[in-house]
Structure formats: C-alpha cells, structure tokens
C-alpha cells in the first residue's frame, strides 16, 4: 500500500465497499471503515483519549440537517416487501426481533 497512490486506493475501496453487504451486516453501510490505532497518528482508542483529555480543545459548532444522512439509509428510497422488512429487523435486532416486530409491524 505504501507504493500505491491515493487515487488507486480510493478506486479499490469504492469497488469493494458494499460488495459483502447483506441484511445481516446492515450497519456496514453506516460505518464502512474506522480508524486503526497505530501508536503514531492515532495513539489510542477514541473514547479513552476523550476520557483522558487527549484531544484538541477548540470551539465546536454542532448542528444537523433534517435529511442529512437520508442517502445513507439502506433502501431508503425504494419500497421494500414485508419479508425484506422482517429480514432487516432481524439483521439489526436478532433475538429481539419478535418484540420489535410486535411494536413496529410491517
């Protein structure tokens, strides 16, 4: 990877990013990659760094847009069948699927 340029790495990542997506790995859509602690650039787990005060203390403005992440929601713009809805609920909630479906039926 050290010899690869950024463009080829990006192309390869985009090619495989969602190739293994299934109803049982739905959260991969929302967080396809995460930082790796390397001891140099990323020196520790994010939550540990925050707890220890090891972060840049700068003003931060936080906000949101109503539909900001709507394009990231799996199948958000196409209707799904009842069976597919149940598969998605099972993929997300496993053993709690019956309780979820009784409260939020298709």
Protein backbone atom coordinates (compact mmCIF):
# COMPACT_ATOMS: atom_id res chain seq x y z
CA UNK A 1 0.00 0.00 0.00
CA UNK A 2 2.86 2.40 0.63
CA UNK A 3 3.65 2.41 -3.08
CA UNK A 4 0.01 2.93 -4.16
CA UNK A 5 -1.25 6.40 -4.94
CA UNK A 6 -4.38 7.82 -3.30
CA UNK A 7 -6.46 7.52 -6.47
CA UNK A 8 -5.87 3.77 -6.85
CA UNK A 9 -6.57 3.16 -3.16
CA UNK A 10 -9.84 5.11 -3.41
CA UNK A 11 -10.90 3.20 -6.54
CA UNK A 12 -10.19 -0.14 -4.86
CA UNK A 13 -12.05 0.88 -1.71
CA UNK A 14 -15.11 2.04 -3.64
CA UNK A 15 -15.10 -1.19 -5.66
CA UNK A 16 -15.37 -3.43 -2.59
CA UNK A 17 -17.02 -1.13 -0.07
CA UNK A 18 -20.50 -2.67 -0.27
CA UNK A 19 -19.73 -5.89 -2.12
CA UNK A 20 -20.30 -8.00 1.00
CA UNK A 21 -23.40 -6.17 2.23
CA UNK A 22 -26.29 -8.34 3.36
CA UNK A 23 -29.32 -7.92 5.57
CA UNK A 24 -27.24 -9.31 8.39
CA UNK A 25 -24.49 -6.67 8.09
CA UNK A 26 -26.63 -3.55 7.76
CA UNK A 27 -24.52 -1.36 9.99
CA UNK A 28 -21.65 -1.66 7.50
CA UNK A 29 -23.49 0.90 5.37
CA UNK A 30 -23.18 3.48 8.12
CA UNK A 31 -19.61 2.82 9.22
CA UNK A 32 -17.70 1.08 6.43
CA UNK A 33 -14.29 1.89 7.90
CA UNK A 34 -12.92 3.12 11.17
CA UNK A 35 -9.61 4.49 12.48
CA UNK A 36 -6.90 1.99 13.40
CA UNK A 37 -4.73 2.67 16.43
CA UNK A 38 -1.21 2.76 15.03
CA UNK A 39 0.59 4.31 18.02
CA UNK A 40 1.82 7.20 15.87
CA UNK A 41 -1.00 9.17 14.22
CA UNK A 42 -3.80 7.54 16.22
CA UNK A 43 -2.34 6.85 19.63
CA UNK A 44 -5.31 5.28 21.36
CA UNK A 45 -9.00 4.44 21.26
CA UNK A 46 -11.18 7.50 20.76
CA UNK A 47 -13.19 7.05 23.96
CA UNK A 48 -10.02 6.61 26.05
CA UNK A 49 -8.44 9.72 24.51
CA UNK A 50 -11.52 11.80 25.30
CA UNK A 51 -11.72 10.46 28.85
CA UNK A 52 -8.03 11.34 29.42
CA UNK A 53 -8.45 14.81 27.89
CA UNK A 54 -6.11 14.00 24.98
CA UNK A 55 -7.83 15.94 22.22
CA UNK A 56 -7.61 19.41 20.76
CA UNK A 57 -9.70 21.80 22.80
CA UNK A 58 -11.20 24.11 20.20
CA UNK A 59 -14.59 25.74 19.72
CA UNK A 60 -17.01 23.36 18.05
CA UNK A 61 -20.28 24.12 16.31
CA UNK A 62 -22.68 21.19 16.16
CA UNK A 63 -25.79 21.08 14.03
CA UNK A 64 -27.80 18.95 11.66
CA UNK A 65 -30.00 18.99 8.62
CA UNK A 66 -33.33 17.20 8.67
CA UNK A 67 -32.48 14.84 5.80
CA UNK A 68 -28.70 14.97 6.17
CA UNK A 69 -27.99 11.21 6.14
CA UNK A 70 -31.06 10.02 4.23
CA UNK A 71 -28.92 8.84 1.31
CA UNK A 72 -27.06 6.53 3.69
CA UNK A 73 -30.15 4.69 4.86
CA UNK A 74 -30.34 1.24 3.33
CA UNK A 75 -33.01 1.14 0.61
CA UNK A 76 -34.39 4.46 1.87
CA UNK A 77 -35.88 5.46 -1.46
CA UNK A 78 -37.37 2.20 -2.64
CA UNK A 79 -40.33 0.39 -1.10
CA UNK A 80 -39.50 -2.95 0.49
CA UNK A 81 -41.55 -6.08 0.92
CA UNK A 82 -42.80 -7.30 4.26
CA UNK A 83 -40.32 -10.18 4.11
CA UNK A 84 -37.42 -7.82 3.44
CA UNK A 85 -38.51 -5.55 6.31
CA UNK A 86 -38.53 -8.54 8.67
CA UNK A 87 -35.06 -9.59 7.42
CA UNK A 88 -33.72 -6.09 8.09
CA UNK A 89 -35.23 -6.04 11.58
CA UNK A 90 -33.72 -9.48 12.26
CA UNK A 91 -30.33 -8.33 10.94
CA UNK A 92 -30.35 -5.40 13.35
CA UNK A 93 -32.05 -6.82 16.45
CA UNK A 94 -31.53 -10.61 16.32
CA UNK A 95 -33.16 -12.11 19.43
CA UNK A 96 -35.29 -9.01 19.98
CA UNK A 97 -36.92 -9.31 16.54
CA UNK A 98 -40.33 -10.58 17.79
CA UNK A 99 -40.64 -7.71 20.29
CA UNK A 100 -39.61 -5.14 17.67
CA UNK A 101 -42.00 -6.52 15.05
CA UNK A 102 -44.89 -6.60 17.51
CA UNK A 103 -44.31 -2.95 18.31
CA UNK A 104 -43.40 -1.86 14.75
CA UNK A 105 -45.20 -4.24 12.38
CA UNK A 106 -44.55 -4.06 8.62
